[in-house]
Amino acid sequence: MLSIEKCREILGDEYAGLSDERLAQIRDELSELARIALDAYIKKQKQGKIANNS
C-alpha cells in the first residue's frame, strides 16, 4: 500500500489541503476498488478460458 507521503507526491499541490486521515481514507477506498476490479477481471478471464475450452 502507498504511504501517505507517496500519495501526496502523486497528487501534487492540488490536494495539499487534505488531512492525512482523509488522504488515508481515500487511499484505502481506492485500493479496495482496485481489488474489486481486479477480482472481477480475473473472474471474467477464467470464465472466458473455460468457455473457450468447452
Protein backbone atom coordinates (compact mmCIF):
# COMPACT_ATOMS: atom_id res chain seq x y z
CA MET A 1 0.00 0.00 0.00
CA LEU A 2 1.17 3.51 -0.73
CA SER A 3 2.38 5.67 2.12
CA ILE A 4 0.69 8.99 2.84
CA GLU A 5 3.88 10.70 1.68
CA LYS A 6 3.81 8.85 -1.64
CA CYS A 7 0.11 9.70 -2.10
CA ARG A 8 0.93 13.38 -1.55
CA GLU A 9 3.78 13.15 -4.04
CA ILE A 10 1.50 11.60 -6.67
CA LEU A 11 -1.37 14.04 -6.10
CA GLY A 12 0.76 17.16 -6.04
CA ASP A 13 -0.16 20.59 -4.71
CA GLU A 14 -3.78 20.49 -5.86
CA TYR A 15 -4.72 18.22 -2.95
CA ALA A 16 -2.30 19.60 -0.35
CA GLY A 17 -5.22 20.72 1.83
CA LEU A 18 -6.36 17.16 2.55
CA SER A 19 -5.65 15.92 6.07
CA ASP A 20 -3.59 12.76 6.50
CA GLU A 21 -6.70 11.00 7.80
CA ARG A 22 -8.79 11.95 4.76
CA LEU A 23 -5.99 11.06 2.39
CA ALA A 24 -5.61 7.65 4.08
CA GLN A 25 -9.36 7.09 3.75
CA ILE A 26 -9.31 7.92 0.04
CA ARG A 27 -6.22 5.74 -0.49
CA ASP A 28 -7.87 2.80 1.29
CA GLU A 29 -11.12 3.18 -0.65
CA LEU A 30 -9.29 3.34 -3.98
CA SER A 31 -7.22 0.31 -3.01
CA GLU A 32 -10.38 -1.65 -2.27
CA LEU A 33 -11.95 -0.50 -5.55
CA ALA A 34 -8.85 -1.67 -7.43
CA ARG A 35 -9.01 -5.05 -5.67
CA ILE A 36 -12.67 -5.48 -6.64
CA ALA A 37 -11.96 -4.52 -10.25
CA LEU A 38 -9.01 -6.92 -10.44
CA ASP A 39 -11.05 -9.76 -8.93
CA ALA A 40 -13.81 -9.15 -11.49
CA TYR A 41 -11.28 -9.09 -14.32
CA ILE A 42 -9.67 -12.35 -13.19
CA LYS A 43 -13.07 -13.99 -12.82
CA LYS A 44 -14.05 -12.88 -16.32
CA GLN A 45 -10.76 -14.15 -17.74
CA LYS A 46 -11.26 -17.54 -16.10
CA GLN A 47 -14.82 -17.77 -17.43
CA GLY A 48 -13.59 -16.95 -20.90
CA LYS A 49 -10.93 -19.66 -20.75
CA ILE A 50 -13.44 -22.20 -19.54
CA ALA A 51 -15.89 -21.23 -22.29
CA ASN A 52 -13.13 -21.44 -24.91
CA ASN A 53 -12.02 -24.90 -23.70
CA SER A 54 -15.53 -26.39 -23.97
